Amino acid sequence: MVDSRAFKLKEGREREVDMTSETEKRIIALEETIAHQAKTIEELSDQLTEQWKVVEQTRAKLDRLTERFLSLEEQSLDAPAITRPPHY
């Protein structure tokens, strides 16, 4: 006759070992996922920083061009009107 308690205990330990092994695999998979996500976040942050530099440079160029345009526009308003030469 087989002792049912011993069988249940052995079965429980096997399940526990399987559960522990499965849990470890899941934890490892989660840690790998987190590591990849952390790397991706860092790369995206670096790219975002570079993009902001480009945006700031573009904004500065636009400001300079706007000032230049306004200056030229002012000069053209101050210039005498173009008239037809006398031989027309």
PDB file of N, CA and C in Angstrom:
ATOM      1  N   MET A   1       0.837  -1.167   0.000  1.00  0.00           N
ATOM      2  CA  MET A   1       0.000   0.000   0.000  1.00  0.00           C
ATOM      3  C   MET A   1       0.893   1.244   0.000  1.00  0.00           C
ATOM      4  N   VAL A   2       0.521   2.235  -0.835  1.00  0.00           N
ATOM      5  CA  VAL A   2       1.300   3.460  -0.972  1.00  0.00           C
ATOM      6  C   VAL A   2       0.748   4.483  -0.002  1.00  0.00           C
ATOM      7  N   ASP A   3       1.662   5.118   0.691  1.00  0.00           N
ATOM      8  CA  ASP A   3       1.257   6.163   1.631  1.00  0.00           C
ATOM      9  C   ASP A   3       0.833   7.385   0.812  1.00  0.00           C
ATOM     10  N   SER A   4      -0.424   7.736   0.891  1.00  0.00           N
ATOM     11  CA  SER A   4      -0.957   8.829   0.073  1.00  0.00           C
ATOM     12  C   SER A   4      -0.361  10.175   0.479  1.00  0.00           C
ATOM     13  N   ARG A   5      -0.018  10.328   1.762  1.00  0.00           N
ATOM     14  CA  ARG A   5       0.590  11.588   2.193  1.00  0.00           C
ATOM     15  C   ARG A   5       1.948  11.776   1.536  1.00  0.00           C
ATOM     16  N   ALA A   6       2.734  10.710   1.481  1.00  0.00           N
ATOM     17  CA  ALA A   6       4.059  10.794   0.868  1.00  0.00           C
ATOM     18  C   ALA A   6       3.925  11.125  -0.615  1.00  0.00           C
ATOM     19  N   PHE A   7       2.961  10.520  -1.275  1.00  0.00           N
ATOM     20  CA  PHE A   7       2.746  10.778  -2.694  1.00  0.00           C
ATOM     21  C   PHE A   7       2.358  12.244  -2.917  1.00  0.00           C
ATOM     22  N   LYS A   8       1.445  12.738  -2.097  1.00  0.00           N
ATOM     23  CA  LYS A   8       1.015  14.125  -2.222  1.00  0.00           C
ATOM     24  C   LYS A   8       2.176  15.075  -1.935  1.00  0.00           C
ATOM     25  N   LEU A   9       2.978  14.726  -0.951  1.00  0.00           N
ATOM     26  CA  LEU A   9       4.113  15.568  -0.605  1.00  0.00           C
ATOM     27  C   LEU A   9       5.103  15.625  -1.766  1.00  0.00           C
ATOM     28  N   LYS A  10       5.401  14.436  -2.336  1.00  0.00           N
ATOM     29  CA  LYS A  10       6.327  14.381  -3.455  1.00  0.00           C
ATOM     30  C   LYS A  10       5.759  15.154  -4.644  1.00  0.00           C
ATOM     31  N   GLU A  11       4.490  14.963  -4.923  1.00  0.00           N
ATOM     32  CA  GLU A  11       3.839  15.655  -6.030  1.00  0.00           C
ATOM     33  C   GLU A  11       3.856  17.168  -5.789  1.00  0.00           C
ATOM     34  N   GLY A  12       3.619  17.565  -4.557  1.00  0.00           N
ATOM     35  CA  GLY A  12       3.637  18.983  -4.200  1.00  0.00           C
ATOM     36  C   GLY A  12       5.008  19.594  -4.397  1.00  0.00           C
ATOM     37  N   ARG A  13       6.048  18.856  -4.031  1.00  0.00           N
ATOM     38  CA  ARG A  13       7.412  19.365  -4.218  1.00  0.00           C
ATOM     39  C   ARG A  13       7.741  19.509  -5.700  1.00  0.00           C
ATOM     40  N   GLU A  14       7.325  18.538  -6.498  1.00  0.00           N
ATOM     41  CA  GLU A  14       7.576  18.622  -7.936  1.00  0.00           C
ATOM     42  C   GLU A  14       6.865  19.836  -8.524  1.00  0.00           C
ATOM     43  N   ARG A  15       5.641  20.040  -8.079  1.00  0.00           N
ATOM     44  CA  ARG A  15       4.902  21.210  -8.551  1.00  0.00           C
ATOM     45  C   ARG A  15       5.602  22.486  -8.083  1.00  0.00           C
ATOM     46  N   GLU A  16       6.092  22.441  -6.848  1.00  0.00           N
ATOM     47  CA  GLU A  16       6.787  23.605  -6.301  1.00  0.00           C
ATOM     48  C   GLU A  16       8.046  23.887  -7.113  1.00  0.00           C
ATOM     49  N   VAL A  17       8.800  22.835  -7.441  1.00  0.00           N
ATOM     50  CA  VAL A  17      10.009  22.990  -8.241  1.00  0.00           C
ATOM     51  C   VAL A  17       9.641  23.509  -9.625  1.00  0.00           C
ATOM     52  N   ASP A  18       8.598  22.921 -10.230  1.00  0.00           N
ATOM     53  CA  ASP A  18       8.151  23.391 -11.539  1.00  0.00           C
ATOM     54  C   ASP A  18       7.709  24.847 -11.458  1.00  0.00           C
ATOM     55  N   MET A  19       6.981  25.171 -10.397  1.00  0.00           N
ATOM     56  CA  MET A  19       6.488  26.532 -10.219  1.00  0.00           C
ATOM     57  C   MET A  19       7.664  27.483 -10.032  1.00  0.00           C
ATOM     58  N   THR A  20       8.648  27.078  -9.249  1.00  0.00           N
ATOM     59  CA  THR A  20       9.814  27.917  -9.018  1.00  0.00           C
ATOM     60  C   THR A  20      10.580  28.113 -10.323  1.00  0.00           C
ATOM     61  N   SER A  21      10.761  27.046 -11.068  1.00  0.00           N
ATOM     62  CA  SER A  21      11.459  27.126 -12.341  1.00  0.00           C
ATOM     63  C   SER A  21      10.697  28.031 -13.310  1.00  0.00           C
ATOM     64  N   GLU A  22       9.402  27.867 -13.370  1.00  0.00           N
ATOM     65  CA  GLU A  22       8.569  28.699 -14.242  1.00  0.00           C
ATOM     66  C   GLU A  22       8.615  30.157 -13.793  1.00  0.00           C
ATOM     67  N   THR A  23       8.554  30.377 -12.492  1.00  0.00           N
ATOM     68  CA  THR A  23       8.617  31.737 -11.952  1.00  0.00           C
ATOM     69  C   THR A  23       9.959  32.379 -12.286  1.00  0.00           C
ATOM     70  N   GLU A  24      11.035  31.628 -12.140  1.00  0.00           N
ATOM     71  CA  GLU A  24      12.364  32.149 -12.470  1.00  0.00           C
ATOM     72  C   GLU A  24      12.448  32.526 -13.947  1.00  0.00           C
ATOM     73  N   LYS A  25      11.895  31.683 -14.811  1.00  0.00           N
ATOM     74  CA  LYS A  25      11.906  31.979 -16.244  1.00  0.00           C
ATOM     75  C   LYS A  25      11.129  33.259 -16.530  1.00  0.00           C
ATOM     76  N   ARG A  26       9.993  33.402 -15.876  1.00  0.00           N
ATOM     77  CA  ARG A  26       9.177  34.599 -16.083  1.00  0.00           C
ATOM     78  C   ARG A  26       9.904  35.845 -15.578  1.00  0.00           C
ATOM     79  N   ILE A  27      10.553  35.720 -14.427  1.00  0.00           N
ATOM     80  CA  ILE A  27      11.294  36.857 -13.869  1.00  0.00           C
ATOM     81  C   ILE A  27      12.442  37.245 -14.800  1.00  0.00           C
ATOM     82  N   ILE A  28      13.159  36.250 -15.304  1.00  0.00           N
ATOM     83  CA  ILE A  28      14.262  36.517 -16.232  1.00  0.00           C
ATOM     84  C   ILE A  28      13.736  37.209 -17.489  1.00  0.00           C
ATOM     85  N   ALA A  29      12.612  36.721 -18.012  1.00  0.00           N
ATOM     86  CA  ALA A  29      12.019  37.338 -19.205  1.00  0.00           C
ATOM     87  C   ALA A  29      11.621  38.785 -18.920  1.00  0.00           C
ATOM     88  N   LEU A  30      11.053  39.028 -17.751  1.00  0.00           N
ATOM     89  CA  LEU A  30      10.667  40.394 -17.376  1.00  0.00           C
ATOM     90  C   LEU A  30      11.893  41.295 -17.239  1.00  0.00           C
ATOM     91  N   GLU A  31      12.953  40.766 -16.623  1.00  0.00           N
ATOM     92  CA  GLU A  31      14.178  41.551 -16.470  1.00  0.00           C
ATOM     93  C   GLU A  31      14.782  41.893 -17.829  1.00  0.00           C
ATOM     94  N   GLU A  32      14.751  40.930 -18.766  1.00  0.00           N
ATOM     95  CA  GLU A  32      15.262  41.195 -20.111  1.00  0.00           C
ATOM     96  C   GLU A  32      14.430  42.274 -20.795  1.00  0.00           C
ATOM     97  N   THR A  33      13.125  42.169 -20.648  1.00  0.00           N
ATOM     98  CA  THR A  33      12.234  43.168 -21.244  1.00  0.00           C
ATOM     99  C   THR A  33      12.511  44.545 -20.667  1.00  0.00           C
ATOM    100  N   ILE A  34      12.669  44.621 -19.370  1.00  0.00           N
ATOM    101  CA  ILE A  34      12.949  45.902 -18.715  1.00  0.00           C
ATOM    102  C   ILE A  34      14.279  46.472 -19.200  1.00  0.00           C
ATOM    103  N   ALA A  35      15.282  45.618 -19.336  1.00  0.00           N
ATOM    104  CA  ALA A  35      16.594  46.084 -19.808  1.00  0.00           C
ATOM    105  C   ALA A  35      16.488  46.653 -21.223  1.00  0.00           C
ATOM    106  N   HIS A  36      15.767  45.956 -22.097  1.00  0.00           N
ATOM    107  CA  HIS A  36      15.587  46.446 -23.469  1.00  0.00           C
ATOM    108  C   HIS A  36      14.813  47.764 -23.481  1.00  0.00           C
ATOM    109  N   GLN A  37      13.789  47.849 -22.659  1.00  0.00           N
ATOM    110  CA  GLN A  37      12.998  49.079 -22.603  1.00  0.00           C
ATOM    111  C   GLN A  37      13.823  50.242 -22.057  1.00  0.00           C
ATOM    112  N   ALA A  38      14.643  49.975 -21.067  1.00  0.00           N
ATOM    113  CA  ALA A  38      15.496  51.028 -20.509  1.00  0.00           C
ATOM    114  C   ALA A  38      16.465  51.540 -21.575  1.00  0.00           C
ATOM    115  N   LYS A  39      17.031  50.623 -22.358  1.00  0.00           N
ATOM    116  CA  LYS A  39      17.949  51.022 -23.428  1.00  0.00           C
ATOM    117  C   LYS A  39      17.205  51.842 -24.477  1.00  0.00           C
ATOM    118  N   THR A  40      16.010  51.402 -24.833  1.00  0.00           N
ATOM    119  CA  THR A  40      15.205  52.125 -25.819  1.00  0.00           C
ATOM    120  C   THR A  40      14.865  53.523 -25.323  1.00  0.00           C
ATOM    121  N   ILE A  41      14.490  53.638 -24.065  1.00  0.00           N
ATOM    122  CA  ILE A  41      14.167  54.945 -23.484  1.00  0.00           C
ATOM    123  C   ILE A  41      15.386  55.860 -23.531  1.00  0.00           C
ATOM    124  N   GLU A  42      16.542  55.323 -23.204  1.00  0.00           N
ATOM    125  CA  GLU A  42      17.774  56.125 -23.233  1.00  0.00           C
ATOM    126  C   GLU A  42      18.077  56.600 -24.656  1.00  0.00           C
ATOM    127  N   GLU A  43      17.930  55.698 -25.635  1.00  0.00           N
ATOM    128  CA  GLU A  43      18.172  56.068 -27.030  1.00  0.00           C
ATOM    129  C   GLU A  43      17.181  57.138 -27.487  1.00  0.00           C
ATOM    130  N   LEU A  44      15.913  56.977 -27.128  1.00  0.00           N
ATOM    131  CA  LEU A  44      14.900  57.964 -27.500  1.00  0.00           C
ATOM    132  C   LEU A  44      15.171  59.315 -26.843  1.00  0.00           C
ATOM    133  N   SER A  45      15.629  59.272 -25.613  1.00  0.00           N
ATOM    134  CA  SER A  45      15.957  60.512 -24.912  1.00  0.00           C
ATOM    135  C   SER A  45      17.100  61.237 -25.619  1.00  0.00           C
ATOM    136  N   ASP A  46      18.113  60.486 -26.035  1.00  0.00           N
ATOM    137  CA  ASP A  46      19.239  61.080 -26.763  1.00  0.00           C
ATOM    138  C   ASP A  46      18.771  61.688 -28.085  1.00  0.00           C
ATOM    139  N   GLN A  47      17.907  60.963 -28.790  1.00  0.00           N
ATOM    140  CA  GLN A  47      17.386  61.476 -30.059  1.00  0.00           C
ATOM    141  C   GLN A  47      16.553  62.732 -29.840  1.00  0.00           C
ATOM    142  N   LEU A  48      15.769  62.734 -28.792  1.00  0.00           N
ATOM    143  CA  LEU A  48      14.940  63.901 -28.484  1.00  0.00           C
ATOM    144  C   LEU A  48      15.810  65.117 -28.179  1.00  0.00           C
ATOM    145  N   THR A  49      16.889  64.899 -27.450  1.00  0.00           N
ATOM    146  CA  THR A  49      17.822  65.986 -27.144  1.00  0.00           C
ATOM    147  C   THR A  49      18.407  66.561 -28.430  1.00  0.00           C
ATOM    148  N   GLU A  50      18.809  65.683 -29.340  1.00  0.00           N
ATOM    149  CA  GLU A  50      19.360  66.139 -30.618  1.00  0.00           C
ATOM    150  C   GLU A  50      18.309  66.899 -31.422  1.00  0.00           C
ATOM    151  N   GLN A  51      17.090  66.421 -31.418  1.00  0.00           N
ATOM    152  CA  GLN A  51      16.022  67.096 -32.156  1.00  0.00           C
ATOM    153  C   GLN A  51      15.746  68.485 -31.587  1.00  0.00           C
ATOM    154  N   TRP A  52      15.810  68.609 -30.272  1.00  0.00           N
ATOM    155  CA  TRP A  52      15.601  69.931 -29.670  1.00  0.00           C
ATOM    156  C   TRP A  52      16.697  70.898 -30.082  1.00  0.00           C
ATOM    157  N   LYS A  53      17.929  70.394 -30.215  1.00  0.00           N
ATOM    158  CA  LYS A  53      19.022  71.251 -30.686  1.00  0.00           C
ATOM    159  C   LYS A  53      18.717  71.759 -32.094  1.00  0.00           C
ATOM    160  N   VAL A  54      18.237  70.863 -32.957  1.00  0.00           N
ATOM    161  CA  VAL A  54      17.895  71.244 -34.329  1.00  0.00           C
ATOM    162  C   VAL A  54      16.752  72.257 -34.324  1.00  0.00           C
ATOM    163  N   VAL A  55      15.755  72.034 -33.490  1.00  0.00           N
ATOM    164  CA  VAL A  55      14.624  72.963 -33.394  1.00  0.00           C
ATOM    165  C   VAL A  55      15.108  74.342 -32.957  1.00  0.00           C
ATOM    166  N   GLU A  56      15.972  74.387 -31.963  1.00  0.00           N
ATOM    167  CA  GLU A  56      16.489  75.672 -31.478  1.00  0.00           C
ATOM    168  C   GLU A  56      17.311  76.379 -32.549  1.00  0.00           C
ATOM    169  N   GLN A  57      18.130  75.619 -33.291  1.00  0.00           N
ATOM    170  CA  GLN A  57      18.910  76.217 -34.375  1.00  0.00           C
ATOM    171  C   GLN A  57      17.984  76.771 -35.457  1.00  0.00           C
ATOM    172  N   THR A  58      16.965  76.016 -35.790  1.00  0.00           N
ATOM    173  CA  THR A  58      16.001  76.452 -36.803  1.00  0.00           C
ATOM    174  C   THR A  58      15.253  77.692 -36.338  1.00  0.00           C
ATOM    175  N   ARG A  59      14.884  77.710 -35.081  1.00  0.00           N
ATOM    176  CA  ARG A  59      14.193  78.881 -34.525  1.00  0.00           C
ATOM    177  C   ARG A  59      15.094  80.120 -34.588  1.00  0.00           C
ATOM    178  N   ALA A  60      16.371  79.955 -34.265  1.00  0.00           N
ATOM    179  CA  ALA A  60      17.309  81.085 -34.313  1.00  0.00           C
ATOM    180  C   ALA A  60      17.462  81.594 -35.751  1.00  0.00           C
ATOM    181  N   LYS A  61      17.556  80.668 -36.716  1.00  0.00           N
ATOM    182  CA  LYS A  61      17.657  81.076 -38.124  1.00  0.00           C
ATOM    183  C   LYS A  61      16.398  81.815 -38.558  1.00  0.00           C
ATOM    184  N   LEU A  62      15.256  81.314 -38.161  1.00  0.00           N
ATOM    185  CA  LEU A  62      13.995  81.967 -38.509  1.00  0.00           C
ATOM    186  C   LEU A  62      13.934  83.373 -37.926  1.00  0.00           C
ATOM    187  N   ASP A  63      14.374  83.521 -36.691  1.00  0.00           N
ATOM    188  CA  ASP A  63      14.388  84.850 -36.066  1.00  0.00           C
ATOM    189  C   ASP A  63      15.292  85.809 -36.841  1.00  0.00           C
ATOM    190  N   ARG A  64      16.481  85.322 -37.233  1.00  0.00           N
ATOM    191  CA  ARG A  64      17.404  86.171 -37.999  1.00  0.00           C
ATOM    192  C   ARG A  64      16.805  86.553 -39.356  1.00  0.00           C
ATOM    193  N   LEU A  65      16.193  85.581 -40.029  1.00  0.00           N
ATOM    194  CA  LEU A  65      15.587  85.863 -41.331  1.00  0.00           C
ATOM    195  C   LEU A  65      14.406  86.821 -41.203  1.00  0.00           C
ATOM    196  N   THR A  66      13.638  86.678 -40.152  1.00  0.00           N
ATOM    197  CA  THR A  66      12.510  87.582 -39.920  1.00  0.00           C
ATOM    198  C   THR A  66      13.007  89.002 -39.716  1.00  0.00           C
ATOM    199  N   GLU A  67      14.043  89.154 -38.901  1.00  0.00           N
ATOM    200  CA  GLU A  67      14.625  90.483 -38.672  1.00  0.00           C
ATOM    201  C   GLU A  67      15.147  91.076 -39.980  1.00  0.00           C
ATOM    202  N   ARG A  68      15.817  90.246 -40.755  1.00  0.00           N
ATOM    203  CA  ARG A  68      16.366  90.722 -42.032  1.00  0.00           C
ATOM    204  C   ARG A  68      15.234  91.137 -42.976  1.00  0.00           C
ATOM    205  N   PHE A  69      14.207  90.331 -43.052  1.00  0.00           N
ATOM    206  CA  PHE A  69      13.064  90.645 -43.907  1.00  0.00           C
ATOM    207  C   PHE A  69      12.412  91.959 -43.489  1.00  0.00           C
ATOM    208  N   LEU A  70      12.199  92.115 -42.192  1.00  0.00           N
ATOM    209  CA  LEU A  70      11.579  93.352 -41.704  1.00  0.00           C
ATOM    210  C   LEU A  70      12.454  94.562 -42.001  1.00  0.00           C
ATOM    211  N   SER A  71      13.758  94.393 -41.876  1.00  0.00           N
ATOM    212  CA  SER A  71      14.692  95.476 -42.170  1.00  0.00           C
ATOM    213  C   SER A  71      14.629  95.847 -43.648  1.00  0.00           C
ATOM    214  N   LEU A  72      14.625  94.839 -44.516  1.00  0.00           N
ATOM    215  CA  LEU A  72      14.536  95.102 -45.955  1.00  0.00           C
ATOM    216  C   LEU A  72      13.193  95.738 -46.312  1.00  0.00           C
ATOM    217  N   GLU A  73      12.157  95.286 -45.662  1.00  0.00           N
ATOM    218  CA  GLU A  73      10.834  95.852 -45.908  1.00  0.00           C
ATOM    219  C   GLU A  73      10.804  97.326 -45.507  1.00  0.00           C
ATOM    220  N   GLU A  74      11.413  97.638 -44.380  1.00  0.00           N
ATOM    221  CA  GLU A  74      11.491  99.031 -43.923  1.00  0.00           C
ATOM    222  C   GLU A  74      12.268  99.886 -44.912  1.00  0.00           C
ATOM    223  N   GLN A  75      13.380  99.360 -45.383  1.00  0.00           N
ATOM    224  CA  GLN A  75      14.208 100.093 -46.343  1.00  0.00           C
ATOM    225  C   GLN A  75      13.443 100.344 -47.638  1.00  0.00           C
ATOM    226  N   SER A  76      12.668  99.369 -48.060  1.00  0.00           N
ATOM    227  CA  SER A  76      11.932  99.543 -49.314  1.00  0.00           C
ATOM    228  C   SER A  76      10.827 100.580 -49.158  1.00  0.00           C
ATOM    229  N   LEU A  77      10.275 100.724 -47.976  1.00  0.00           N
ATOM    230  CA  LEU A  77       9.253 101.739 -47.745  1.00  0.00           C
ATOM    231  C   LEU A  77       9.864 103.133 -47.733  1.00  0.00           C
ATOM    232  N   ASP A  78      11.092 103.233 -47.251  1.00  0.00           N
ATOM    233  CA  ASP A  78      11.777 104.521 -47.188  1.00  0.00           C
ATOM    234  C   ASP A  78      12.331 104.944 -48.546  1.00  0.00           C
ATOM    235  N   ALA A  79      12.504 104.025 -49.464  1.00  0.00           N
ATOM    236  CA  ALA A  79      13.083 104.332 -50.772  1.00  0.00           C
ATOM    237  C   ALA A  79      12.083 105.146 -51.595  1.00  0.00           C
ATOM    238  N   PRO A  80      12.603 106.004 -52.440  1.00  0.00           N
ATOM    239  CA  PRO A  80      11.695 106.790 -53.285  1.00  0.00           C
ATOM    240  C   PRO A  80      10.938 105.878 -54.249  1.00  0.00           C
ATOM    241  N   ALA A  81       9.779 106.306 -54.600  1.00  0.00           N
ATOM    242  CA  ALA A  81       8.957 105.512 -55.514  1.00  0.00           C
ATOM    243  C   ALA A  81       9.631 105.426 -56.865  1.00  0.00           C
ATOM    244  N   ILE A  82       9.479 104.323 -57.501  1.00  0.00           N
ATOM    245  CA  ILE A  82      10.065 104.138 -58.828  1.00  0.00           C
ATOM    246  C   ILE A  82       9.167 104.878 -59.831  1.00  0.00           C
ATOM    247  N   THR A  83       9.789 105.769 -60.568  1.00  0.00           N
ATOM    248  CA  THR A  83       9.038 106.526 -61.571  1.00  0.00           C
ATOM    249  C   THR A  83       9.560 106.183 -62.951  1.00  0.00           C
ATOM    250  N   ARG A  84       8.779 106.499 -63.941  1.00  0.00           N
ATOM    251  CA  ARG A  84       9.208 106.226 -65.313  1.00  0.00           C
ATOM    252  C   ARG A  84      10.301 107.224 -65.701  1.00  0.00           C
ATOM    253  N   PRO A  85      11.247 106.726 -66.423  1.00  0.00           N
ATOM    254  CA  PRO A  85      12.273 107.659 -66.904  1.00  0.00           C
ATOM    255  C   PRO A  85      11.640 108.721 -67.818  1.00  0.00           C
ATOM    256  N   PRO A  86      12.304 109.856 -67.940  1.00  0.00           N
ATOM    257  CA  PRO A  86      11.725 110.960 -68.707  1.00  0.00           C
ATOM    258  C   PRO A  86      11.488 110.634 -70.182  1.00  0.00           C
ATOM    259  N   HIS A  87      12.168 109.689 -70.754  1.00  0.00           N
ATOM    260  CA  HIS A  87      12.009 109.412 -72.179  1.00  0.00           C
ATOM    261  C   HIS A  87      10.759 108.595 -72.486  1.00  0.00           C
ATOM    262  N   TYR A  88       9.950 108.221 -71.524  1.00  0.00           N
ATOM    263  CA  TYR A  88       8.700 107.494 -71.785  1.00  0.00           C
ATOM    264  C   TYR A  88       7.625 108.415 -72.180  1.00  0.00           C
TER     265      TYR A  88
END
